[in-house]
N, C-alpha and C. Protein backbone atom coordinates (compact mmCIF):
# COMPACT_ATOMS: atom_id res chain seq x y z
N MET A 1 103.90 62.79 86.20
CA MET A 1 103.87 61.72 87.05
C MET A 1 104.03 62.08 88.45
N GLN A 2 103.20 62.86 88.86
CA GLN A 2 103.32 63.43 90.24
C GLN A 2 102.45 62.50 91.29
N GLU A 3 103.11 62.12 92.35
CA GLU A 3 102.31 61.42 93.36
C GLU A 3 102.14 62.30 94.57
N ASN A 4 101.11 62.21 95.13
CA ASN A 4 100.77 62.91 96.38
C ASN A 4 101.30 62.14 97.54
N LEU A 5 102.56 62.41 98.00
CA LEU A 5 103.22 61.70 98.98
C LEU A 5 103.44 62.69 100.15
N LYS A 6 103.35 62.30 101.40
CA LYS A 6 103.84 62.93 102.54
C LYS A 6 105.34 63.00 102.41
N THR A 7 105.78 64.25 102.65
CA THR A 7 107.22 64.55 102.68
C THR A 7 107.76 64.57 104.12
N VAL A 8 108.75 63.60 104.36
CA VAL A 8 109.40 63.55 105.65
C VAL A 8 110.88 63.94 105.51
N THR A 9 111.23 64.80 106.44
CA THR A 9 112.67 65.34 106.35
C THR A 9 113.56 64.54 107.44
N MET A 10 114.74 64.19 107.12
CA MET A 10 115.57 63.53 108.10
C MET A 10 116.84 64.28 108.13
N GLN A 11 117.60 64.16 109.16
CA GLN A 11 118.99 64.76 109.32
C GLN A 11 119.87 64.02 108.44
N LYS A 12 120.93 64.74 107.97
CA LYS A 12 122.04 64.23 107.13
C LYS A 12 122.92 63.29 108.13
N GLY A 13 123.42 62.16 107.52
CA GLY A 13 124.40 61.32 108.29
C GLY A 13 123.81 60.36 109.20
N ILE A 14 122.52 60.14 109.23
CA ILE A 14 121.87 59.09 110.15
C ILE A 14 122.54 57.72 109.70
N PRO A 15 123.03 56.97 110.73
CA PRO A 15 123.37 55.51 110.42
C PRO A 15 122.28 54.71 109.80
N GLY A 16 122.55 54.00 108.80
CA GLY A 16 121.59 53.19 108.09
C GLY A 16 121.23 53.86 106.74
N THR A 17 121.56 55.09 106.57
CA THR A 17 121.12 55.72 105.33
C THR A 17 121.71 54.99 104.10
N ILE A 18 122.99 54.73 104.20
CA ILE A 18 123.65 54.00 103.13
C ILE A 18 123.00 52.70 102.76
N THR A 19 122.62 51.90 103.84
CA THR A 19 122.03 50.68 103.62
C THR A 19 120.66 50.82 102.98
N LEU A 20 119.99 51.83 103.23
CA LEU A 20 118.75 52.27 102.60
C LEU A 20 118.89 52.55 101.21
N LEU A 21 119.92 53.24 100.83
CA LEU A 21 120.28 53.61 99.53
C LEU A 21 120.67 52.35 98.68
N GLN A 22 121.34 51.40 99.34
CA GLN A 22 121.67 50.15 98.69
C GLN A 22 120.58 49.27 98.41
N LYS A 23 119.58 49.35 99.35
CA LYS A 23 118.39 48.51 99.11
C LYS A 23 117.67 49.04 97.93
N GLY A 24 117.58 50.46 97.76
CA GLY A 24 117.07 50.95 96.58
C GLY A 24 115.84 51.96 96.85
N VAL A 25 115.77 52.99 96.08
CA VAL A 25 114.79 54.04 96.22
C VAL A 25 114.16 54.26 94.88
N PHE A 26 113.01 55.00 94.88
CA PHE A 26 112.42 55.34 93.61
C PHE A 26 112.63 56.94 93.41
N ILE A 27 112.91 57.21 92.22
CA ILE A 27 112.84 58.62 91.86
C ILE A 27 112.15 58.94 90.52
N HIS A 28 111.48 60.12 90.44
CA HIS A 28 110.83 60.48 89.26
C HIS A 28 111.93 61.14 88.27
N THR A 29 111.83 60.73 87.03
CA THR A 29 112.82 61.37 85.96
C THR A 29 112.09 61.31 84.78
N THR A 30 112.93 61.55 83.73
CA THR A 30 112.38 61.56 82.35
C THR A 30 112.90 60.31 81.50
N SER A 31 111.99 59.49 80.94
CA SER A 31 112.44 58.51 80.10
C SER A 31 113.04 58.94 78.85
N GLY A 32 114.14 58.24 78.31
CA GLY A 32 114.83 58.69 77.14
C GLY A 32 116.21 59.42 77.55
N LEU A 33 116.42 59.69 78.81
CA LEU A 33 117.77 60.23 79.13
C LEU A 33 118.81 59.17 79.03
N SER A 34 120.04 59.54 78.67
CA SER A 34 121.15 58.64 78.62
C SER A 34 121.44 58.52 80.00
N VAL A 35 122.27 57.33 80.34
CA VAL A 35 122.74 57.08 81.81
C VAL A 35 123.44 58.34 82.34
N ARG A 36 124.33 58.98 81.35
CA ARG A 36 125.05 60.14 81.82
C ARG A 36 124.18 61.25 82.14
N GLU A 37 123.23 61.58 81.32
CA GLU A 37 122.23 62.64 81.60
C GLU A 37 121.48 62.40 82.96
N PHE A 38 121.12 61.16 83.03
CA PHE A 38 120.48 60.75 84.34
C PHE A 38 121.20 61.02 85.51
N MET A 39 122.58 60.65 85.37
CA MET A 39 123.48 60.90 86.67
C MET A 39 123.57 62.35 86.99
N VAL A 40 123.82 63.07 85.89
CA VAL A 40 124.18 64.51 85.95
C VAL A 40 123.07 65.33 86.23
N ASP A 41 122.03 65.22 85.40
CA ASP A 41 120.78 66.20 85.42
C ASP A 41 119.81 65.73 86.52
N GLU A 42 119.68 64.51 86.78
CA GLU A 42 118.69 64.08 87.60
C GLU A 42 119.18 63.71 89.08
N ILE A 43 120.18 63.09 89.11
CA ILE A 43 120.76 62.83 90.46
C ILE A 43 121.44 63.90 91.08
N GLY A 44 122.18 64.64 90.20
CA GLY A 44 122.93 65.93 90.56
C GLY A 44 124.45 65.76 90.72
N LEU A 45 124.95 64.63 90.11
CA LEU A 45 126.33 64.44 90.14
C LEU A 45 127.07 65.39 89.16
N SER A 46 128.27 65.70 89.56
CA SER A 46 129.06 66.62 88.52
C SER A 46 129.49 65.78 87.47
N PRO A 47 129.74 66.35 86.25
CA PRO A 47 130.08 65.57 85.17
C PRO A 47 131.25 64.81 85.37
N ASP A 48 132.30 65.37 85.99
CA ASP A 48 133.57 64.78 86.34
C ASP A 48 133.39 63.60 87.21
N TYR A 49 132.51 63.73 88.34
CA TYR A 49 132.28 62.79 89.27
C TYR A 49 131.64 61.49 88.61
N ALA A 50 130.61 61.84 87.69
CA ALA A 50 129.97 60.77 86.97
C ALA A 50 130.86 59.96 86.23
N GLU A 51 131.86 60.74 85.54
CA GLU A 51 132.88 59.92 84.64
C GLU A 51 133.82 59.24 85.36
N THR A 52 134.44 59.81 86.47
CA THR A 52 135.55 59.26 86.97
C THR A 52 135.30 58.38 88.29
N ARG A 53 134.31 58.75 89.06
CA ARG A 53 134.04 58.03 90.44
C ARG A 53 133.02 56.81 90.11
N VAL A 54 132.02 56.97 89.22
CA VAL A 54 131.09 55.96 89.09
C VAL A 54 131.67 55.01 88.07
N ARG A 55 132.17 53.79 88.58
CA ARG A 55 132.91 52.89 87.84
C ARG A 55 132.03 51.67 87.31
N ALA A 56 131.06 51.33 88.04
CA ALA A 56 130.15 50.19 87.70
C ALA A 56 128.68 50.71 87.65
N ILE A 57 128.15 50.51 86.43
CA ILE A 57 126.73 50.90 86.28
C ILE A 57 126.04 49.70 85.66
N PHE A 58 124.81 49.46 86.32
CA PHE A 58 123.96 48.37 85.80
C PHE A 58 122.63 48.93 85.54
N VAL A 59 122.05 48.62 84.31
CA VAL A 59 120.71 48.97 84.14
C VAL A 59 119.87 47.59 83.91
N ASN A 60 118.99 47.45 84.73
CA ASN A 60 118.21 46.10 84.59
C ASN A 60 119.09 44.90 84.73
N GLY A 61 120.15 45.05 85.69
CA GLY A 61 121.13 43.91 85.77
C GLY A 61 122.20 43.74 84.79
N SER A 62 122.14 44.66 83.76
CA SER A 62 123.20 44.47 82.82
C SER A 62 124.28 45.65 82.87
N PRO A 63 125.58 45.18 82.77
CA PRO A 63 126.50 46.17 82.88
C PRO A 63 126.60 47.25 81.82
N VAL A 64 126.80 48.52 82.05
CA VAL A 64 126.75 49.53 81.12
C VAL A 64 128.12 50.04 80.87
N ASP A 65 128.60 50.01 79.51
CA ASP A 65 129.83 50.67 79.17
C ASP A 65 129.56 52.00 78.54
N ASP A 66 128.61 52.17 77.62
CA ASP A 66 128.24 53.29 76.92
C ASP A 66 127.34 54.16 77.70
N ILE A 67 127.77 55.08 78.51
CA ILE A 67 126.88 55.88 79.30
C ILE A 67 126.13 56.93 78.55
N ASP A 68 126.57 57.16 77.37
CA ASP A 68 125.88 58.09 76.38
C ASP A 68 124.87 57.40 75.55
N GLY A 69 125.08 56.16 75.21
CA GLY A 69 124.26 55.44 74.37
C GLY A 69 123.01 54.66 74.96
N VAL A 70 123.18 54.22 76.24
CA VAL A 70 122.21 53.53 76.96
C VAL A 70 121.22 54.50 77.44
N LYS A 71 119.94 54.36 77.10
CA LYS A 71 118.96 55.24 77.62
C LYS A 71 118.07 54.47 78.73
N ILE A 72 117.54 55.35 79.62
CA ILE A 72 116.67 54.82 80.66
C ILE A 72 115.30 54.96 80.25
N LYS A 73 114.40 54.17 80.95
CA LYS A 73 112.95 54.18 80.65
C LYS A 73 112.16 53.94 81.91
N ASP A 74 110.89 54.25 81.90
CA ASP A 74 110.11 53.98 83.07
C ASP A 74 110.08 52.48 83.55
N GLY A 75 110.25 52.24 84.73
CA GLY A 75 110.47 50.94 85.41
C GLY A 75 111.75 50.39 85.43
N ASP A 76 112.74 50.95 84.82
CA ASP A 76 114.21 50.58 84.91
C ASP A 76 114.66 50.59 86.30
N GLU A 77 115.59 49.55 86.52
CA GLU A 77 116.41 49.59 87.79
C GLU A 77 117.78 49.95 87.36
N VAL A 78 118.40 50.96 88.16
CA VAL A 78 119.66 51.48 87.77
C VAL A 78 120.46 51.41 89.06
N SER A 79 121.65 50.82 88.99
CA SER A 79 122.54 50.66 90.07
C SER A 79 123.86 51.27 89.73
N LEU A 80 124.37 52.25 90.74
CA LEU A 80 125.55 52.77 90.52
C LEU A 80 126.61 52.42 91.71
N SER A 81 127.86 52.24 91.31
CA SER A 81 128.85 51.82 92.24
C SER A 81 130.19 52.42 91.83
N GLY A 82 131.05 52.56 92.76
CA GLY A 82 132.47 52.89 92.64
C GLY A 82 133.08 51.54 92.10
N ALA A 83 134.37 51.53 92.18
CA ALA A 83 135.12 50.32 91.72
C ALA A 83 134.74 49.20 92.53
N LEU A 84 134.61 48.02 92.00
CA LEU A 84 134.28 46.73 92.48
C LEU A 84 135.40 45.94 92.75
N PRO A 85 135.47 45.07 93.82
CA PRO A 85 136.68 44.37 94.09
C PRO A 85 136.77 43.04 93.29
N GLY A 86 137.98 42.67 93.09
CA GLY A 86 138.19 41.24 92.52
C GLY A 86 138.11 41.27 91.05
N ILE A 87 138.34 40.14 90.41
CA ILE A 87 138.32 40.07 89.00
C ILE A 87 136.92 40.19 88.48
N SER A 88 135.84 39.67 89.19
CA SER A 88 134.67 39.94 88.65
C SER A 88 134.16 41.33 88.71
N GLY A 89 134.57 42.11 89.76
CA GLY A 89 134.33 43.43 89.86
C GLY A 89 134.98 44.24 88.71
N ILE A 90 136.27 43.89 88.43
CA ILE A 90 136.93 44.49 87.33
C ILE A 90 136.26 44.26 86.02
N ALA A 91 135.80 43.10 85.84
CA ALA A 91 134.98 42.80 84.60
C ALA A 91 133.73 43.53 84.45
N MET A 92 133.10 43.93 85.46
CA MET A 92 131.77 44.57 85.46
C MET A 92 131.99 46.18 85.36
N CYS A 93 133.12 46.60 85.71
CA CYS A 93 133.40 48.10 85.59
C CYS A 93 133.49 48.58 84.14
N ARG A 94 133.20 49.85 84.06
CA ARG A 94 133.30 50.49 82.65
C ARG A 94 134.75 50.63 82.22
N ASP A 95 135.01 50.71 80.94
CA ASP A 95 136.28 51.00 80.43
C ASP A 95 137.48 50.05 80.93
N THR A 96 137.10 48.80 80.78
CA THR A 96 138.05 47.75 81.22
C THR A 96 138.28 46.82 80.08
N PRO A 97 139.50 46.45 79.68
CA PRO A 97 139.75 45.47 78.60
C PRO A 97 139.00 44.16 78.86
N ILE A 98 138.71 43.79 80.11
CA ILE A 98 138.07 42.58 80.44
C ILE A 98 136.59 42.66 80.02
N GLY A 99 136.07 43.83 79.87
CA GLY A 99 134.63 44.04 79.49
C GLY A 99 134.30 43.39 78.12
N ALA A 100 135.26 43.11 77.37
CA ALA A 100 135.05 42.54 75.99
C ALA A 100 134.62 41.16 76.15
N PHE A 101 134.82 40.52 77.26
CA PHE A 101 134.40 39.19 77.48
C PHE A 101 133.02 39.03 77.93
N ARG A 102 132.32 40.13 78.27
CA ARG A 102 130.89 40.03 78.66
C ARG A 102 130.03 40.91 77.84
N THR A 103 130.28 41.02 76.48
CA THR A 103 129.49 41.83 75.61
C THR A 103 128.05 41.20 75.48
N ASP A 104 127.89 40.01 75.70
CA ASP A 104 126.52 39.31 75.64
C ASP A 104 125.61 39.80 76.66
N ILE A 105 126.07 40.04 77.85
CA ILE A 105 125.37 40.56 78.88
C ILE A 105 125.28 41.97 79.15
N SER A 106 125.99 42.74 78.36
CA SER A 106 126.06 44.32 78.54
C SER A 106 124.86 44.97 77.96
N ALA A 107 124.47 46.05 78.62
CA ALA A 107 123.31 46.84 78.21
C ALA A 107 123.80 47.47 76.79
N LYS A 108 122.77 47.44 75.90
CA LYS A 108 123.03 47.91 74.50
C LYS A 108 122.59 49.30 74.28
N ALA A 109 123.13 50.09 73.57
CA ALA A 109 122.75 51.46 73.25
C ALA A 109 121.50 51.44 72.49
N SER A 110 120.58 52.46 72.76
CA SER A 110 119.37 52.43 72.06
C SER A 110 118.90 53.95 71.91
N ASP A 111 118.39 54.31 70.73
CA ASP A 111 117.84 55.66 70.55
C ASP A 111 116.43 55.53 70.46
N ALA A 112 115.88 54.25 70.67
CA ALA A 112 114.40 53.97 70.38
C ALA A 112 113.55 54.11 71.70
N VAL A 113 114.21 54.84 72.73
CA VAL A 113 113.51 54.99 73.98
C VAL A 113 112.77 56.35 73.79
N SER A 114 111.48 56.46 73.89
CA SER A 114 110.73 57.69 73.78
C SER A 114 110.70 58.51 75.06
N SER A 115 110.65 59.77 74.96
CA SER A 115 110.77 60.75 76.17
C SER A 115 109.43 60.75 76.77
N GLY A 116 109.32 60.96 78.20
CA GLY A 116 108.18 60.87 78.84
C GLY A 116 108.46 60.77 80.40
N ASP A 117 107.39 60.72 81.14
CA ASP A 117 107.71 60.57 82.66
C ASP A 117 108.14 59.00 82.91
N ALA A 118 108.97 58.98 83.98
CA ALA A 118 109.43 57.69 84.29
C ALA A 118 109.72 57.66 85.74
N LYS A 119 109.55 56.58 86.32
CA LYS A 119 109.91 56.18 87.77
C LYS A 119 110.92 55.13 87.62
N ILE A 120 112.06 55.39 88.29
CA ILE A 120 113.25 54.61 88.19
C ILE A 120 113.54 54.13 89.70
N TYR A 121 113.88 52.76 89.79
CA TYR A 121 114.33 52.19 90.91
C TYR A 121 115.81 52.31 91.01
N LEU A 122 116.41 53.17 91.90
CA LEU A 122 117.89 53.43 91.96
C LEU A 122 118.40 52.89 93.21
N LYS A 123 119.63 52.18 92.94
CA LYS A 123 120.51 51.65 93.96
C LYS A 123 121.90 52.32 93.90
N LEU A 124 122.28 52.76 95.08
CA LEU A 124 123.61 53.30 95.13
C LEU A 124 124.61 52.45 96.09
N PHE A 125 125.74 52.17 95.70
CA PHE A 125 126.64 51.36 96.51
C PHE A 125 127.95 51.96 96.78
N ASN A 126 128.54 51.37 97.77
CA ASN A 126 129.87 51.82 98.42
C ASN A 126 130.05 53.38 98.49
N LEU A 127 131.09 53.74 97.88
CA LEU A 127 131.47 55.21 97.98
C LEU A 127 130.48 56.16 97.29
N ILE A 128 129.76 55.58 96.35
CA ILE A 128 128.75 56.37 95.61
C ILE A 128 127.58 56.69 96.61
N ALA A 129 127.19 55.62 97.41
CA ALA A 129 126.13 55.88 98.36
C ALA A 129 126.50 57.02 99.33
N LYS A 130 127.69 56.84 99.83
CA LYS A 130 128.30 57.69 100.78
C LYS A 130 128.52 59.14 100.29
N GLU A 131 129.01 59.27 99.10
CA GLU A 131 129.49 60.66 98.63
C GLU A 131 128.31 61.32 97.93
N ALA A 132 127.53 60.43 97.08
CA ALA A 132 126.32 61.13 96.26
C ALA A 132 125.10 60.97 97.00
N GLY A 133 124.94 60.10 98.01
CA GLY A 133 123.65 59.95 98.62
C GLY A 133 123.09 61.29 99.12
N PRO A 134 123.86 62.11 99.81
CA PRO A 134 123.23 63.42 100.29
C PRO A 134 122.80 64.28 99.15
N THR A 135 123.40 64.21 98.03
CA THR A 135 122.97 65.12 96.97
C THR A 135 121.55 64.54 96.45
N LEU A 136 121.41 63.31 96.37
CA LEU A 136 120.23 62.70 95.99
C LEU A 136 119.09 63.04 96.93
N LEU A 137 119.38 62.85 98.30
CA LEU A 137 118.41 63.03 99.31
C LEU A 137 118.04 64.41 99.42
N LYS A 138 118.78 65.34 99.06
CA LYS A 138 118.42 66.74 99.05
C LYS A 138 117.24 66.97 97.93
N LYS A 139 117.22 66.27 96.93
CA LYS A 139 116.11 66.32 95.90
C LYS A 139 115.05 65.56 96.36
N GLY A 140 115.20 64.51 97.05
CA GLY A 140 114.05 63.72 97.61
C GLY A 140 113.95 62.40 96.78
N VAL A 141 113.70 61.33 97.63
CA VAL A 141 113.47 60.01 97.05
C VAL A 141 112.23 59.42 97.54
N ILE A 142 111.68 58.53 96.88
CA ILE A 142 110.41 57.76 97.28
C ILE A 142 110.85 56.42 97.94
N VAL A 143 110.44 56.35 99.12
CA VAL A 143 110.70 55.09 99.83
C VAL A 143 109.44 54.63 100.61
N ILE A 144 109.53 53.31 101.05
CA ILE A 144 108.40 52.80 101.95
C ILE A 144 108.79 53.19 103.33
N ALA A 145 107.78 53.78 104.10
CA ALA A 145 108.09 54.26 105.46
C ALA A 145 108.53 53.06 106.30
N GLU A 146 108.05 51.86 106.17
CA GLU A 146 108.52 50.73 106.89
C GLU A 146 110.03 50.45 106.73
N ASP A 147 110.53 50.64 105.45
CA ASP A 147 111.89 50.49 105.09
C ASP A 147 112.81 51.44 105.87
N VAL A 148 112.26 52.78 105.90
CA VAL A 148 112.92 53.85 106.70
C VAL A 148 113.13 53.40 108.16
N ARG A 149 111.97 52.92 108.65
CA ARG A 149 112.10 52.44 110.14
C ARG A 149 113.02 51.32 110.21
N ALA A 150 113.01 50.41 109.33
CA ALA A 150 113.88 49.23 109.39
C ALA A 150 115.34 49.49 109.33
N TYR A 151 115.74 50.31 108.46
CA TYR A 151 117.10 50.57 108.16
C TYR A 151 117.63 51.67 109.00
N LEU A 152 116.87 52.76 109.45
CA LEU A 152 117.37 53.88 110.18
C LEU A 152 117.14 53.66 111.77
N LYS A 153 116.40 52.74 111.98
CA LYS A 153 115.93 52.35 113.44
C LYS A 153 115.77 53.67 114.28
N ASP A 154 116.57 53.80 115.33
CA ASP A 154 116.47 54.95 116.16
C ASP A 154 116.56 56.24 115.58
N GLY A 155 117.26 56.28 114.39
CA GLY A 155 117.46 57.55 113.70
C GLY A 155 116.37 57.85 112.70
N ALA A 156 115.34 56.95 112.61
CA ALA A 156 114.28 57.29 111.75
C ALA A 156 113.62 58.69 112.06
N PRO A 157 113.30 59.45 111.12
CA PRO A 157 112.63 60.86 111.40
C PRO A 157 111.35 60.70 112.00
N GLU A 158 110.91 61.68 112.69
CA GLU A 158 109.60 61.71 113.21
C GLU A 158 108.70 62.06 111.95
N GLY A 159 107.42 61.71 112.09
CA GLY A 159 106.38 62.04 111.23
C GLY A 159 106.14 60.99 110.11
N LEU A 160 106.84 59.71 110.19
CA LEU A 160 106.58 58.75 109.36
C LEU A 160 105.17 58.17 109.55
N PRO A 161 104.36 58.12 108.34
CA PRO A 161 103.01 57.50 108.55
C PRO A 161 103.04 56.18 109.22
N SER A 162 101.99 55.92 110.07
CA SER A 162 101.97 54.70 110.79
C SER A 162 101.50 53.48 109.83
N GLU A 163 100.87 53.76 108.74
CA GLU A 163 100.45 52.82 107.85
C GLU A 163 101.55 52.22 106.98
N GLY A 164 102.78 52.90 106.96
CA GLY A 164 103.92 52.34 106.30
C GLY A 164 104.05 52.42 104.72
N GLY A 165 103.10 53.30 104.14
CA GLY A 165 103.20 53.31 102.68
C GLY A 165 104.34 54.21 102.28
N PRO A 166 104.33 54.56 100.80
CA PRO A 166 105.36 55.32 100.28
C PRO A 166 105.47 56.81 100.89
N ILE A 167 106.53 57.33 100.95
CA ILE A 167 106.74 58.72 101.37
C ILE A 167 107.84 59.42 100.50
N LEU A 168 107.94 60.62 100.50
CA LEU A 168 109.00 61.35 99.92
C LEU A 168 109.98 61.67 100.99
N LEU A 169 111.32 61.23 100.99
CA LEU A 169 112.29 61.38 101.97
C LEU A 169 113.23 62.31 101.53
N LYS A 170 113.55 63.37 102.35
CA LYS A 170 114.46 64.33 102.12
C LYS A 170 115.42 64.65 103.19
N ILE A 171 116.59 65.38 102.89
CA ILE A 171 117.37 65.78 104.07
C ILE A 171 117.32 67.41 103.90
């Protein structure tokens, strides 16, 4: 699933980068990976970081408790966050006793996801965007050039296509 995209390189730490990662970016990966494998093997997070710092995970809007049992597939939206504030945030985080009250909306484990190419829409929030964003951007993410202009403003890198289509953005 290779796309012929123009690669645009930006500097690390440009204001607006975190907001761009919160809005969401596309990445190519492999369907059938567990959420843990996706975080470690594809995004590049250390196993310890994925286990201890990423506290709230959503796949297609459903909170994930079992990061080894829930598998990703083409077209999924994955959101990663550190701890979330308030009682609602506590309820949505992994490994919380309150999680038992949301079992109906939680993502379910599945081995029925076949392996293959996948394009995932990924959102990173709060400290995860700040700490893991540079690791992800080193690998490259697919974004719309107009979004880069809108969120990075004066910090937008040179070489963005004027037509505003998708690009491969890297640091």
